[in-house]
PDB file of all heavy atoms in Angstrom:
ATOM      1  N   PHE A   1      65.806  81.063 102.133  1.00  0.00           N
ATOM      2  CA  PHE A   1      66.981  81.710 101.550  1.00  0.00           C
ATOM      3  C   PHE A   1      66.786  81.901 100.045  1.00  0.00           C
ATOM      4  O   PHE A   1      66.411  80.944  99.319  1.00  0.00           O
ATOM      5  CB  PHE A   1      68.213  80.882 101.831  1.00  0.00           C
ATOM      6  CG  PHE A   1      69.501  81.430 101.247  1.00  0.00           C
ATOM      7  CD1 PHE A   1      70.041  82.610 101.737  1.00  0.00           C
ATOM      8  CD2 PHE A   1      70.158  80.765 100.214  1.00  0.00           C
ATOM      9  CE1 PHE A   1      71.219  83.109 101.239  1.00  0.00           C
ATOM     10  CE2 PHE A   1      71.353  81.244  99.702  1.00  0.00           C
ATOM     11  CZ  PHE A   1      71.885  82.452 100.199  1.00  0.00           C
ATOM     12  N   LEU A   2      67.096  83.122  99.548  1.00  0.00           N
ATOM     13  CA  LEU A   2      66.918  83.402  98.115  1.00  0.00           C
ATOM     14  C   LEU A   2      68.207  83.775  97.411  1.00  0.00           C
ATOM     15  O   LEU A   2      68.193  83.980  96.179  1.00  0.00           O
ATOM     16  CB  LEU A   2      65.898  84.555  97.939  1.00  0.00           C
ATOM     17  CG  LEU A   2      64.494  84.304  98.496  1.00  0.00           C
ATOM     18  CD1 LEU A   2      63.628  85.510  98.331  1.00  0.00           C
ATOM     19  CD2 LEU A   2      63.824  83.106  97.814  1.00  0.00           C
ATOM     20  N   GLY A   3      69.279  83.917  98.138  1.00  0.00           N
ATOM     21  CA  GLY A   3      70.595  84.315  97.488  1.00  0.00           C
ATOM     22  C   GLY A   3      71.210  85.431  98.262  1.00  0.00           C
ATOM     23  O   GLY A   3      70.953  85.667  99.424  1.00  0.00           O
ATOM     24  N   ARG A   4      72.129  86.154  97.538  1.00  0.00           N
ATOM     25  CA  ARG A   4      72.901  87.219  98.216  1.00  0.00           C
ATOM     26  C   ARG A   4      72.552  88.553  97.580  1.00  0.00           C
ATOM     27  O   ARG A   4      72.181  88.621  96.382  1.00  0.00           O
ATOM     28  CB  ARG A   4      74.374  86.957  98.025  1.00  0.00           C
ATOM     29  CG  ARG A   4      74.925  85.790  98.800  1.00  0.00           C
ATOM     30  CD  ARG A   4      75.081  86.094 100.275  1.00  0.00           C
ATOM     31  NE  ARG A   4      75.897  87.259 100.542  1.00  0.00           N
ATOM     32  CZ  ARG A   4      76.054  87.784 101.756  1.00  0.00           C
ATOM     33  NH1 ARG A   4      75.429  87.285 102.810  1.00  0.00           N
ATOM     34  NH2 ARG A   4      76.881  88.815 101.949  1.00  0.00           N
ATOM     35  N   THR A   5      72.720  89.611  98.342  1.00  0.00           N
ATOM     36  CA  THR A   5      72.591  90.978  97.798  1.00  0.00           C
ATOM     37  C   THR A   5      73.912  91.458  97.280  1.00  0.00           C
ATOM     38  O   THR A   5      73.978  92.506  96.608  1.00  0.00           O
ATOM     39  CB  THR A   5      72.079  91.939  98.856  1.00  0.00           C
ATOM     40  OG1 THR A   5      73.024  92.017  99.909  1.00  0.00           O
ATOM     41  CG2 THR A   5      70.739  91.480  99.439  1.00  0.00           C
ATOM     42  N   ASP A   6      75.009  90.776  97.583  1.00  0.00           N
ATOM     43  CA  ASP A   6      76.314  91.156  97.117  1.00  0.00           C
ATOM     44  C   ASP A   6      77.011  89.967  96.471  1.00  0.00           C
ATOM     45  O   ASP A   6      76.330  89.005  96.068  1.00  0.00           O
ATOM     46  CB  ASP A   6      77.199  91.693  98.310  1.00  0.00           C
ATOM     47  CG  ASP A   6      77.297  90.628  99.448  1.00  0.00           C
ATOM     48  OD1 ASP A   6      77.035  89.428  99.195  1.00  0.00           O
ATOM     49  OD2 ASP A   6      77.663  91.021 100.554  1.00  0.00           O
ATOM     50  N   ARG A   7      78.351  89.963  96.331  1.00  0.00           N
ATOM     51  CA  ARG A   7      79.036  88.962  95.565  1.00  0.00           C
ATOM     52  C   ARG A   7      79.580  87.856  96.458  1.00  0.00           C
ATOM     53  O   ARG A   7      80.261  86.917  96.004  1.00  0.00           O
ATOM     54  CB  ARG A   7      80.205  89.603  94.835  1.00  0.00           C
ATOM     55  CG  ARG A   7      79.754  90.604  93.736  1.00  0.00           C
ATOM     56  CD  ARG A   7      81.003  91.101  93.036  1.00  0.00           C
ATOM     57  NE  ARG A   7      81.714  90.048  92.386  1.00  0.00           N
ATOM     58  CZ  ARG A   7      83.008  89.981  92.215  1.00  0.00           C
ATOM     59  NH1 ARG A   7      83.754  90.999  92.687  1.00  0.00           N
ATOM     60  NH2 ARG A   7      83.621  88.955  91.640  1.00  0.00           N
ATOM     61  N   GLN A   8      79.347  87.911  97.760  1.00  0.00           N
ATOM     62  CA  GLN A   8      79.906  86.897  98.661  1.00  0.00           C
ATOM     63  C   GLN A   8      79.414  85.509  98.278  1.00  0.00           C
ATOM     64  O   GLN A   8      78.265  85.307  97.894  1.00  0.00           O
ATOM     65  CB  GLN A   8      79.495  87.173 100.102  1.00  0.00           C
ATOM     66  CG  GLN A   8      80.107  86.250 101.100  1.00  0.00           C
ATOM     67  CD  GLN A   8      79.528  86.527 102.471  1.00  0.00           C
ATOM     68  OE1 GLN A   8      78.752  85.726 102.993  1.00  0.00           O
ATOM     69  NE2 GLN A   8      79.928  87.612 103.115  1.00  0.00           N
ATOM     70  N   VAL A   9      80.315  84.521  98.342  1.00  0.00           N
ATOM     71  CA  VAL A   9      79.984  83.145  97.981  1.00  0.00           C
ATOM     72  C   VAL A   9      80.431  82.227  99.106  1.00  0.00           C
ATOM     73  O   VAL A   9      81.203  82.598 100.016  1.00  0.00           O
ATOM     74  CB  VAL A   9      80.632  82.702  96.673  1.00  0.00           C
ATOM     75  CG1 VAL A   9      80.103  83.565  95.485  1.00  0.00           C
ATOM     76  CG2 VAL A   9      82.159  82.782  96.702  1.00  0.00           C
ATOM     77  N   LYS A  10      80.000  80.990  99.044  1.00  0.00           N
ATOM     78  CA  LYS A  10      80.442  79.948  99.997  1.00  0.00           C
ATOM     79  C   LYS A  10      81.098  78.838  99.237  1.00  0.00           C
ATOM     80  O   LYS A  10      80.564  78.366  98.226  1.00  0.00           O
ATOM     81  CB  LYS A  10      79.262  79.414 100.762  1.00  0.00           C
ATOM     82  CG  LYS A  10      78.689  80.306 101.890  1.00  0.00           C
ATOM     83  CD  LYS A  10      79.646  80.342 103.064  1.00  0.00           C
ATOM     84  CE  LYS A  10      79.042  81.144 104.202  1.00  0.00           C
ATOM     85  NZ  LYS A  10      78.112  80.362 105.018  1.00  0.00           N
ATOM     86  N   VAL A  11      82.286  78.444  99.677  1.00  0.00           N
ATOM     87  CA  VAL A  11      83.055  77.336  99.073  1.00  0.00           C
ATOM     88  C   VAL A  11      83.397  76.358 100.170  1.00  0.00           C
ATOM     89  O   VAL A  11      84.185  76.658 101.059  1.00  0.00           O
ATOM     90  CB  VAL A  11      84.336  77.877  98.388  1.00  0.00           C
ATOM     91  CG1 VAL A  11      85.151  76.696  97.800  1.00  0.00           C
ATOM     92  CG2 VAL A  11      84.003  78.868  97.306  1.00  0.00           C
ATOM     93  N   ARG A  12      82.771  75.176 100.107  1.00  0.00           N
ATOM     94  CA  ARG A  12      82.979  74.116 101.086  1.00  0.00           C
ATOM     95  C   ARG A  12      82.799  74.634 102.505  1.00  0.00           C
ATOM     96  O   ARG A  12      83.468  74.271 103.441  1.00  0.00           O
ATOM     97  CB  ARG A  12      84.318  73.484 100.931  1.00  0.00           C
ATOM     98  CG  ARG A  12      84.577  72.932  99.512  1.00  0.00           C
ATOM     99  CD  ARG A  12      85.755  71.977  99.435  1.00  0.00           C
ATOM    100  NE  ARG A  12      87.026  72.567  99.786  1.00  0.00           N
ATOM    101  CZ  ARG A  12      87.750  73.372  99.019  1.00  0.00           C
ATOM    102  NH1 ARG A  12      87.291  73.692  97.790  1.00  0.00           N
ATOM    103  NH2 ARG A  12      88.925  73.818  99.382  1.00  0.00           N
ATOM    104  N   GLY A  13      81.764  75.545 102.672  1.00  0.00           N
ATOM    105  CA  GLY A  13      81.445  76.012 103.992  1.00  0.00           C
ATOM    106  C   GLY A  13      82.182  77.282 104.357  1.00  0.00           C
ATOM    107  O   GLY A  13      81.874  77.873 105.427  1.00  0.00           O
ATOM    108  N   PHE A  14      83.141  77.742 103.589  1.00  0.00           N
ATOM    109  CA  PHE A  14      83.933  78.931 103.922  1.00  0.00           C
ATOM    110  C   PHE A  14      83.357  80.115 103.162  1.00  0.00           C
ATOM    111  O   PHE A  14      83.061  80.039 102.008  1.00  0.00           O
ATOM    112  CB  PHE A  14      85.401  78.760 103.540  1.00  0.00           C
ATOM    113  CG  PHE A  14      86.127  77.697 104.351  1.00  0.00           C
ATOM    114  CD1 PHE A  14      86.256  76.402 103.853  1.00  0.00           C
ATOM    115  CD2 PHE A  14      86.690  78.007 105.561  1.00  0.00           C
ATOM    116  CE1 PHE A  14      86.962  75.415 104.592  1.00  0.00           C
ATOM    117  CE2 PHE A  14      87.395  77.053 106.295  1.00  0.00           C
ATOM    118  CZ  PHE A  14      87.486  75.784 105.824  1.00  0.00           C
ATOM    119  N   ARG A  15      83.261  81.251 103.893  1.00  0.00           N
ATOM    120  CA  ARG A  15      82.860  82.479 103.275  1.00  0.00           C
ATOM    121  C   ARG A  15      83.989  83.003 102.417  1.00  0.00           C
ATOM    122  O   ARG A  15      85.118  83.092 102.907  1.00  0.00           O
ATOM    123  CB  ARG A  15      82.503  83.515 104.313  1.00  0.00           C
ATOM    124  CG  ARG A  15      81.007  83.704 104.484  1.00  0.00           C
ATOM    125  CD  ARG A  15      80.660  84.462 105.737  1.00  0.00           C
ATOM    126  NE  ARG A  15      81.250  85.769 105.812  1.00  0.00           N
ATOM    127  CZ  ARG A  15      80.959  86.587 106.848  1.00  0.00           C
ATOM    128  NH1 ARG A  15      80.132  86.232 107.791  1.00  0.00           N
ATOM    129  NH2 ARG A  15      81.525  87.792 106.913  1.00  0.00           N
ATOM    130  N   VAL A  16      83.723  83.369 101.176  1.00  0.00           N
ATOM    131  CA  VAL A  16      84.755  83.968 100.316  1.00  0.00           C
ATOM    132  C   VAL A  16      84.204  85.203  99.694  1.00  0.00           C
ATOM    133  O   VAL A  16      83.118  85.215  99.095  1.00  0.00           O
ATOM    134  CB  VAL A  16      85.198  82.958  99.216  1.00  0.00           C
ATOM    135  CG1 VAL A  16      86.192  83.643  98.290  1.00  0.00           C
ATOM    136  CG2 VAL A  16      85.810  81.719  99.857  1.00  0.00           C
ATOM    137  N   GLU A  17      84.912  86.281  99.805  1.00  0.00           N
ATOM    138  CA  GLU A  17      84.624  87.509  99.073  1.00  0.00           C
ATOM    139  C   GLU A  17      85.511  87.507  97.832  1.00  0.00           C
ATOM    140  O   GLU A  17      86.744  87.560  97.886  1.00  0.00           O
ATOM    141  CB  GLU A  17      84.931  88.746  99.907  1.00  0.00           C
ATOM    142  CG  GLU A  17      84.048  88.957 101.084  1.00  0.00           C
ATOM    143  CD  GLU A  17      82.719  89.586 100.730  1.00  0.00           C
ATOM    144  OE1 GLU A  17      82.503  89.819  99.528  1.00  0.00           O
ATOM    145  OE2 GLU A  17      81.931  89.876 101.606  1.00  0.00           O
ATOM    146  N   PRO A  18      84.926  87.345  96.609  1.00  0.00           N
ATOM    147  CA  PRO A  18      85.766  87.301  95.406  1.00  0.00           C
ATOM    148  C   PRO A  18      86.664  88.491  95.280  1.00  0.00           C
ATOM    149  O   PRO A  18      87.774  88.382  94.702  1.00  0.00           O
ATOM    150  CB  PRO A  18      84.718  87.259  94.281  1.00  0.00           C
ATOM    151  CG  PRO A  18      83.491  86.591  94.928  1.00  0.00           C
ATOM    152  CD  PRO A  18      83.484  87.123  96.320  1.00  0.00           C
ATOM    153  N   GLY A  19      86.295  89.638  95.839  1.00  0.00           N
ATOM    154  CA  GLY A  19      87.146  90.813  95.757  1.00  0.00           C
ATOM    155  C   GLY A  19      88.519  90.615  96.357  1.00  0.00           C
ATOM    156  O   GLY A  19      89.494  91.182  95.902  1.00  0.00           O
ATOM    157  N   GLU A  20      88.568  89.793  97.429  1.00  0.00           N
ATOM    158  CA  GLU A  20      89.907  89.557  98.033  1.00  0.00           C
ATOM    159  C   GLU A  20      90.803  88.760  97.107  1.00  0.00           C
ATOM    160  O   GLU A  20      91.996  89.026  97.020  1.00  0.00           O
ATOM    161  CB  GLU A  20      89.701  88.850  99.390  1.00  0.00           C
ATOM    162  CG  GLU A  20      91.007  88.697 100.138  1.00  0.00           C
ATOM    163  CD  GLU A  20      90.809  88.150 101.581  1.00  0.00           C
ATOM    164  OE1 GLU A  20      89.657  88.024 101.995  1.00  0.00           O
ATOM    165  OE2 GLU A  20      91.823  87.779 102.197  1.00  0.00           O
ATOM    166  N   VAL A  21      90.228  87.799  96.441  1.00  0.00           N
ATOM    167  CA  VAL A  21      90.987  86.954  95.490  1.00  0.00           C
ATOM    168  C   VAL A  21      91.393  87.825  94.324  1.00  0.00           C
ATOM    169  O   VAL A  21      92.558  87.725  93.799  1.00  0.00           O
ATOM    170  CB  VAL A  21      90.210  85.723  95.033  1.00  0.00           C
ATOM    171  CG1 VAL A  21      91.053  84.823  94.195  1.00  0.00           C
ATOM    172  CG2 VAL A  21      89.635  84.941  96.280  1.00  0.00           C
ATOM    173  N   GLU A  22      90.441  88.648  93.842  1.00  0.00           N
ATOM    174  CA  GLU A  22      90.754  89.541  92.689  1.00  0.00           C
ATOM    175  C   GLU A  22      91.889  90.518  93.057  1.00  0.00           C
ATOM    176  O   GLU A  22      92.779  90.767  92.187  1.00  0.00           O
ATOM    177  CB  GLU A  22      89.492  90.304  92.327  1.00  0.00           C
ATOM    178  CG  GLU A  22      88.432  89.448  91.694  1.00  0.00           C
ATOM    179  CD  GLU A  22      87.086  90.114  91.639  1.00  0.00           C
ATOM    180  OE1 GLU A  22      86.969  91.273  92.050  1.00  0.00           O
ATOM    181  OE2 GLU A  22      86.109  89.460  91.106  1.00  0.00           O
ATOM    182  N   ALA A  23      91.889  91.003  94.262  1.00  0.00           N
ATOM    183  CA  ALA A  23      92.973  91.924  94.690  1.00  0.00           C
ATOM    184  C   ALA A  23      94.334  91.215  94.666  1.00  0.00           C
ATOM    185  O   ALA A  23      95.343  91.793  94.254  1.00  0.00           O
ATOM    186  CB  ALA A  23      92.676  92.502  96.064  1.00  0.00           C
ATOM    187  N   ALA A  24      94.325  89.987  95.104  1.00  0.00           N
ATOM    188  CA  ALA A  24      95.583  89.211  95.089  1.00  0.00           C
ATOM    189  C   ALA A  24      96.097  88.928  93.692  1.00  0.00           C
ATOM    190  O   ALA A  24      97.266  88.968  93.435  1.00  0.00           O
ATOM    191  CB  ALA A  24      95.400  87.900  95.888  1.00  0.00           C
TER     192      ALA A  24
END
C-alpha cells in the first residue's frame, strides 16, 4: 500500500470522505 489517489481517509477503521464533512 502506497496511499490514496483521492482524498478518502480512514478514522478508527471507518472510511471518511472529507467532502461529506465539508458539505455539512
